[in-house]
Each structure stands twice: as structure tokens, then as C-alpha cells.
Amino acid sequence: QVQLVESGGGLVQPGGSLRLSCAASGFTFSRYAMSWYRRPPGKERELVAAISSAGSTTNYADSVKGRFTISRDNAKNTVSLQMNTLKPEDTAVYYCYVNFQIRSYWGQGTQVTVSS
């Protein structure tokens, strides 16, 4: 079965950095686009970044452009999100996502808190 397991969240001061990782299994990882979403406190889940199956195309929410970088390693079945210059408004639960055979799959989420 499809499994997505996120790691790397935590508490960081404004201006700091974190790197999130998502380990995927249960499907042919290299054939599918992957995304990162987040759910800020009291808000709806929103798309943060997406990457094509080969990693050649990436897209970002306007709020994170220039600060976040999505990447993938198809040999290791992992997708990562490097987050720099973090702001308090980046505080959220971050989720890894894949649409596999017209079904949506989410990881359990990892908490990122940006606070001094």
C-alpha cells in the first residue's frame, strides 16, 4: 500500500532553516509528481510546492518562492523541502502528497513552528 512518511519538522527561530523529507513506498515513485502541502493553525490546507516525476519542473506558492526549494531523489524514493528564511507565518503542519491511480494519499504530517 502507498505510504508517505514525513520527517524533519521542529521549532526554529525566524530567519532559520529546516529541511523536511518524505519517504515514499508502495508505488513506482519515479513515475509520479510529488507535492508538499501545509495546514496553518485554523486555516485550510494549502499547496506549498510541487515537483514533476523526473524533477525537471517545480512550482511554488507565491508566499514561499525564493525561500523554499523542493527536490527529489528517485533512487531513494524521497522528496525533500528545504525551507530557508523561515517566518512565523510558515508555522503549520506540513504534508507530503501524491495522487496515485486517481486517489489522493497524504503522509501523517510534520509540525513546523517558527517562533522566537
N, C-alpha and C. Protein backbone atom coordinates (compact mmCIF):
# COMPACT_ATOMS: atom_id res chain seq x y z
N GLN A 1 0.84 -1.17 0.00
CA GLN A 1 0.00 0.00 0.00
C GLN A 1 0.89 1.24 0.00
N VAL A 2 0.31 2.35 -0.46
CA VAL A 2 1.05 3.61 -0.51
C VAL A 2 1.31 4.11 0.90
N GLN A 3 2.56 4.46 1.15
CA GLN A 3 2.92 5.06 2.43
C GLN A 3 3.81 6.27 2.18
N LEU A 4 3.52 7.34 2.88
CA LEU A 4 4.32 8.56 2.84
C LEU A 4 4.65 8.92 4.29
N VAL A 5 5.93 9.03 4.59
CA VAL A 5 6.36 9.29 5.96
C VAL A 5 7.25 10.53 5.98
N GLU A 6 6.73 11.59 6.61
CA GLU A 6 7.49 12.84 6.69
C GLU A 6 8.38 12.86 7.93
N SER A 7 9.43 13.64 7.83
CA SER A 7 10.32 13.86 8.97
C SER A 7 11.00 15.20 8.81
N GLY A 8 11.58 15.70 9.89
CA GLY A 8 12.39 16.91 9.82
C GLY A 8 11.76 18.16 10.39
N GLY A 9 10.52 18.08 10.86
CA GLY A 9 9.90 19.26 11.43
C GLY A 9 10.50 19.61 12.78
N GLY A 10 10.06 20.75 13.32
CA GLY A 10 10.54 21.16 14.63
C GLY A 10 10.31 22.62 14.88
N LEU A 11 10.93 23.11 15.93
CA LEU A 11 10.84 24.52 16.32
C LEU A 11 12.10 25.25 15.85
N VAL A 12 11.89 26.39 15.19
CA VAL A 12 13.01 27.16 14.66
C VAL A 12 12.70 28.63 14.84
N GLN A 13 13.74 29.42 15.01
CA GLN A 13 13.56 30.87 15.15
C GLN A 13 13.33 31.52 13.79
N PRO A 14 12.66 32.66 13.77
CA PRO A 14 12.50 33.37 12.50
C PRO A 14 13.86 33.62 11.84
N GLY A 15 13.90 33.41 10.52
CA GLY A 15 15.14 33.54 9.78
C GLY A 15 15.93 32.25 9.67
N GLY A 16 15.51 31.24 10.40
CA GLY A 16 16.21 29.97 10.40
C GLY A 16 15.81 29.08 9.24
N SER A 17 16.36 27.86 9.25
CA SER A 17 16.13 26.90 8.17
C SER A 17 15.75 25.54 8.74
N LEU A 18 14.99 24.81 7.94
CA LEU A 18 14.67 23.41 8.21
C LEU A 18 14.61 22.68 6.89
N ARG A 19 14.86 21.38 6.97
CA ARG A 19 14.73 20.53 5.79
C ARG A 19 13.79 19.39 6.12
N LEU A 20 12.70 19.32 5.38
CA LEU A 20 11.73 18.24 5.53
C LEU A 20 12.02 17.15 4.51
N SER A 21 11.78 15.92 4.90
CA SER A 21 11.93 14.80 3.99
C SER A 21 10.67 13.94 4.03
N CYS A 22 10.41 13.28 2.91
CA CYS A 22 9.26 12.37 2.82
C CYS A 22 9.75 11.09 2.16
N ALA A 23 9.62 9.99 2.86
CA ALA A 23 9.98 8.68 2.32
C ALA A 23 8.73 8.01 1.79
N ALA A 24 8.77 7.62 0.52
CA ALA A 24 7.60 7.05 -0.15
C ALA A 24 7.79 5.57 -0.44
N SER A 25 6.71 4.82 -0.39
CA SER A 25 6.74 3.40 -0.73
C SER A 25 5.37 2.97 -1.21
N GLY A 26 5.33 1.81 -1.87
CA GLY A 26 4.06 1.26 -2.31
C GLY A 26 3.66 1.63 -3.72
N PHE A 27 4.48 2.39 -4.41
CA PHE A 27 4.21 2.74 -5.80
C PHE A 27 5.54 3.06 -6.48
N THR A 28 5.51 3.14 -7.81
CA THR A 28 6.73 3.43 -8.57
C THR A 28 6.99 4.92 -8.48
N PHE A 29 7.77 5.30 -7.51
CA PHE A 29 7.97 6.70 -7.14
C PHE A 29 8.39 7.56 -8.33
N SER A 30 9.28 7.07 -9.15
CA SER A 30 9.85 7.87 -10.24
C SER A 30 8.84 8.23 -11.32
N ARG A 31 7.66 7.67 -11.28
CA ARG A 31 6.65 7.94 -12.31
C ARG A 31 5.64 9.01 -11.90
N TYR A 32 5.73 9.51 -10.66
CA TYR A 32 4.68 10.38 -10.16
C TYR A 32 5.21 11.71 -9.64
N ALA A 33 4.45 12.76 -9.98
CA ALA A 33 4.73 14.06 -9.38
C ALA A 33 4.45 13.99 -7.89
N MET A 34 5.18 14.79 -7.13
CA MET A 34 5.01 14.84 -5.68
C MET A 34 4.81 16.28 -5.25
N SER A 35 4.14 16.45 -4.12
CA SER A 35 3.87 17.80 -3.63
C SER A 35 4.05 17.86 -2.12
N TRP A 36 4.25 19.08 -1.67
CA TRP A 36 4.19 19.40 -0.24
C TRP A 36 3.03 20.37 -0.03
N TYR A 37 2.22 20.09 0.96
CA TYR A 37 1.14 20.97 1.39
C TYR A 37 1.41 21.35 2.85
N ARG A 38 0.67 22.36 3.30
CA ARG A 38 0.73 22.69 4.71
C ARG A 38 -0.65 23.17 5.19
N ARG A 39 -0.88 23.00 6.48
CA ARG A 39 -2.10 23.49 7.11
C ARG A 39 -1.72 24.38 8.28
N PRO A 40 -1.81 25.70 8.08
CA PRO A 40 -1.52 26.61 9.20
C PRO A 40 -2.61 26.50 10.26
N PRO A 41 -2.34 26.91 11.47
CA PRO A 41 -3.35 26.82 12.54
C PRO A 41 -4.63 27.55 12.16
N GLY A 42 -5.75 26.87 12.24
CA GLY A 42 -7.04 27.49 11.98
C GLY A 42 -7.34 27.79 10.53
N LYS A 43 -6.50 27.28 9.61
CA LYS A 43 -6.70 27.57 8.19
C LYS A 43 -6.81 26.30 7.39
N GLU A 44 -7.16 26.47 6.11
CA GLU A 44 -7.26 25.33 5.21
C GLU A 44 -5.87 24.88 4.76
N ARG A 45 -5.82 23.62 4.34
CA ARG A 45 -4.57 23.11 3.79
C ARG A 45 -4.28 23.79 2.46
N GLU A 46 -3.01 24.12 2.22
CA GLU A 46 -2.63 24.83 1.01
C GLU A 46 -1.40 24.20 0.37
N LEU A 47 -1.33 24.31 -0.95
CA LEU A 47 -0.19 23.79 -1.70
C LEU A 47 1.02 24.68 -1.45
N VAL A 48 2.15 24.07 -1.15
CA VAL A 48 3.39 24.80 -0.93
C VAL A 48 4.30 24.67 -2.15
N ALA A 49 4.53 23.45 -2.60
CA ALA A 49 5.45 23.23 -3.72
C ALA A 49 5.14 21.89 -4.36
N ALA A 50 5.47 21.78 -5.65
CA ALA A 50 5.27 20.54 -6.39
C ALA A 50 6.46 20.30 -7.30
N ILE A 51 6.69 19.02 -7.60
CA ILE A 51 7.82 18.66 -8.46
C ILE A 51 7.38 17.54 -9.39
N SER A 52 7.80 17.63 -10.65
CA SER A 52 7.43 16.61 -11.64
C SER A 52 8.13 15.30 -11.35
N SER A 53 7.72 14.27 -12.07
CA SER A 53 8.24 12.93 -11.79
C SER A 53 9.76 12.84 -11.97
N ALA A 54 10.28 13.52 -12.98
CA ALA A 54 11.72 13.49 -13.23
C ALA A 54 12.47 14.57 -12.47
N GLY A 55 11.72 15.47 -11.86
CA GLY A 55 12.35 16.55 -11.11
C GLY A 55 12.71 17.76 -11.94
N SER A 56 12.29 17.76 -13.19
CA SER A 56 12.70 18.84 -14.10
C SER A 56 11.84 20.08 -13.98
N THR A 57 10.65 19.94 -13.41
CA THR A 57 9.72 21.06 -13.27
C THR A 57 9.29 21.20 -11.82
N THR A 58 9.35 22.42 -11.33
CA THR A 58 8.90 22.70 -9.97
C THR A 58 7.97 23.90 -9.97
N ASN A 59 7.08 23.93 -9.00
CA ASN A 59 6.17 25.06 -8.82
C ASN A 59 6.06 25.38 -7.34
N TYR A 60 5.86 26.65 -7.04
CA TYR A 60 5.83 27.10 -5.66
C TYR A 60 4.67 28.07 -5.43
N ALA A 61 4.15 28.04 -4.22
CA ALA A 61 3.23 29.09 -3.82
C ALA A 61 3.98 30.41 -3.78
N ASP A 62 3.29 31.49 -4.09
CA ASP A 62 3.93 32.80 -4.10
C ASP A 62 4.56 33.13 -2.75
N SER A 63 3.92 32.67 -1.70
CA SER A 63 4.39 33.02 -0.35
C SER A 63 5.73 32.39 0.01
N VAL A 64 6.17 31.37 -0.74
CA VAL A 64 7.44 30.69 -0.40
C VAL A 64 8.49 30.80 -1.50
N LYS A 65 8.13 31.39 -2.63
CA LYS A 65 9.09 31.50 -3.74
C LYS A 65 10.35 32.22 -3.29
N GLY A 66 11.49 31.66 -3.68
CA GLY A 66 12.77 32.25 -3.32
C GLY A 66 13.28 31.85 -1.95
N ARG A 67 12.41 31.19 -1.16
CA ARG A 67 12.83 30.76 0.18
C ARG A 67 12.84 29.24 0.33
N PHE A 68 11.91 28.58 -0.35
CA PHE A 68 11.78 27.12 -0.25
C PHE A 68 12.25 26.47 -1.56
N THR A 69 12.81 25.27 -1.44
CA THR A 69 13.21 24.51 -2.62
C THR A 69 12.77 23.06 -2.45
N ILE A 70 12.02 22.58 -3.44
CA ILE A 70 11.60 21.18 -3.44
C ILE A 70 12.55 20.39 -4.33
N SER A 71 12.87 19.17 -3.91
CA SER A 71 13.75 18.32 -4.70
C SER A 71 13.36 16.87 -4.45
N ARG A 72 13.88 15.99 -5.28
CA ARG A 72 13.57 14.57 -5.11
C ARG A 72 14.78 13.73 -5.48
N ASP A 73 14.83 12.53 -4.91
CA ASP A 73 15.85 11.55 -5.23
C ASP A 73 15.12 10.27 -5.62
N ASN A 74 15.01 10.02 -6.90
CA ASN A 74 14.24 8.87 -7.37
C ASN A 74 14.94 7.55 -7.07
N ALA A 75 16.21 7.57 -6.80
CA ALA A 75 16.92 6.35 -6.41
C ALA A 75 16.59 5.95 -4.97
N LYS A 76 16.25 6.96 -4.15
CA LYS A 76 15.97 6.71 -2.74
C LYS A 76 14.49 6.84 -2.41
N ASN A 77 13.67 7.14 -3.40
CA ASN A 77 12.22 7.31 -3.19
C ASN A 77 11.93 8.37 -2.12
N THR A 78 12.60 9.48 -2.23
CA THR A 78 12.38 10.55 -1.27
C THR A 78 12.15 11.88 -1.97
N VAL A 79 11.36 12.72 -1.33
CA VAL A 79 11.16 14.09 -1.77
C VAL A 79 11.43 14.99 -0.56
N SER A 80 12.09 16.11 -0.82
CA SER A 80 12.51 16.98 0.28
C SER A 80 12.03 18.40 0.05
N LEU A 81 11.97 19.14 1.14
CA LEU A 81 11.62 20.55 1.08
C LEU A 81 12.61 21.31 1.95
N GLN A 82 13.49 22.04 1.30
CA GLN A 82 14.44 22.89 2.01
C GLN A 82 13.77 24.24 2.25
N MET A 83 13.68 24.63 3.51
CA MET A 83 12.99 25.86 3.88
C MET A 83 13.98 26.81 4.53
N ASN A 84 14.21 27.93 3.89
CA ASN A 84 15.13 28.95 4.40
C ASN A 84 14.38 30.22 4.73
N THR A 85 15.03 31.06 5.49
CA THR A 85 14.46 32.36 5.88
C THR A 85 13.03 32.18 6.38
N LEU A 86 12.86 31.29 7.30
CA LEU A 86 11.52 30.96 7.78
C LEU A 86 10.91 32.14 8.53
N LYS A 87 9.58 32.24 8.39
CA LYS A 87 8.81 33.31 9.01
C LYS A 87 7.76 32.70 9.94
N PRO A 88 7.28 33.46 10.91
CA PRO A 88 6.23 32.91 11.79
C PRO A 88 5.01 32.41 11.01
N GLU A 89 4.71 33.04 9.89
CA GLU A 89 3.54 32.61 9.11
C GLU A 89 3.78 31.29 8.37
N ASP A 90 4.99 30.76 8.42
CA ASP A 90 5.24 29.43 7.86
C ASP A 90 4.87 28.32 8.85
N THR A 91 4.51 28.71 10.07
CA THR A 91 4.10 27.73 11.07
C THR A 91 2.89 26.95 10.57
N ALA A 92 3.03 25.62 10.56
CA ALA A 92 1.97 24.77 10.01
C ALA A 92 2.36 23.31 10.19
N VAL A 93 1.41 22.45 9.94
CA VAL A 93 1.71 21.03 9.75
C VAL A 93 1.94 20.83 8.26
N TYR A 94 3.07 20.24 7.93
CA TYR A 94 3.46 20.04 6.53
C TYR A 94 3.22 18.59 6.15
N TYR A 95 2.62 18.41 4.96
CA TYR A 95 2.24 17.09 4.48
C TYR A 95 2.85 16.81 3.11
N CYS A 96 3.26 15.59 2.95
CA CYS A 96 3.69 15.07 1.66
C CYS A 96 2.46 14.50 0.95
N TYR A 97 2.39 14.64 -0.37
CA TYR A 97 1.19 14.24 -1.11
C TYR A 97 1.55 13.62 -2.45
N VAL A 98 0.77 12.59 -2.81
CA VAL A 98 0.85 12.03 -4.15
C VAL A 98 -0.55 11.64 -4.60
N ASN A 99 -0.81 11.85 -5.87
CA ASN A 99 -2.03 11.36 -6.49
C ASN A 99 -1.67 10.12 -7.28
N PHE A 100 -2.06 8.97 -6.79
CA PHE A 100 -1.69 7.69 -7.38
C PHE A 100 -2.95 6.96 -7.78
N GLN A 101 -3.06 6.66 -9.08
CA GLN A 101 -4.21 5.95 -9.63
C GLN A 101 -5.51 6.63 -9.20
N ILE A 102 -5.55 7.94 -9.41
CA ILE A 102 -6.69 8.84 -9.16
C ILE A 102 -7.11 8.89 -7.70
N ARG A 103 -6.28 8.40 -6.81
CA ARG A 103 -6.56 8.54 -5.38
C ARG A 103 -5.50 9.43 -4.75
N SER A 104 -5.93 10.19 -3.75
CA SER A 104 -5.01 11.08 -3.05
C SER A 104 -4.46 10.39 -1.81
N TYR A 105 -3.15 10.52 -1.64
CA TYR A 105 -2.50 9.95 -0.46
C TYR A 105 -1.70 11.05 0.25
N TRP A 106 -1.83 11.04 1.56
CA TRP A 106 -1.14 12.02 2.40
C TRP A 106 -0.31 11.31 3.46
N GLY A 107 0.79 11.96 3.82
CA GLY A 107 1.53 11.48 4.97
C GLY A 107 0.82 11.90 6.25
N GLN A 108 1.43 11.56 7.38
CA GLN A 108 0.82 11.88 8.67
C GLN A 108 1.06 13.33 9.06
N GLY A 109 1.99 13.98 8.39
CA GLY A 109 2.30 15.37 8.66
C GLY A 109 3.44 15.54 9.66
N THR A 110 4.13 16.66 9.53
CA THR A 110 5.19 17.01 10.46
C THR A 110 5.03 18.49 10.84
N GLN A 111 5.11 18.77 12.12
CA GLN A 111 4.87 20.12 12.62
C GLN A 111 6.10 21.00 12.45
N VAL A 112 5.89 22.17 11.87
CA VAL A 112 6.93 23.19 11.79
C VAL A 112 6.43 24.41 12.54
N THR A 113 7.19 24.85 13.53
CA THR A 113 6.83 26.02 14.31
C THR A 113 7.97 27.04 14.23
N VAL A 114 7.63 28.23 13.77
CA VAL A 114 8.61 29.30 13.64
C VAL A 114 8.28 30.36 14.69
N SER A 115 9.12 30.46 15.69
CA SER A 115 8.84 31.36 16.80
C SER A 115 10.13 31.70 17.54
N SER A 116 10.16 32.90 18.06
CA SER A 116 11.31 33.31 18.88
C SER A 116 11.03 33.06 20.36
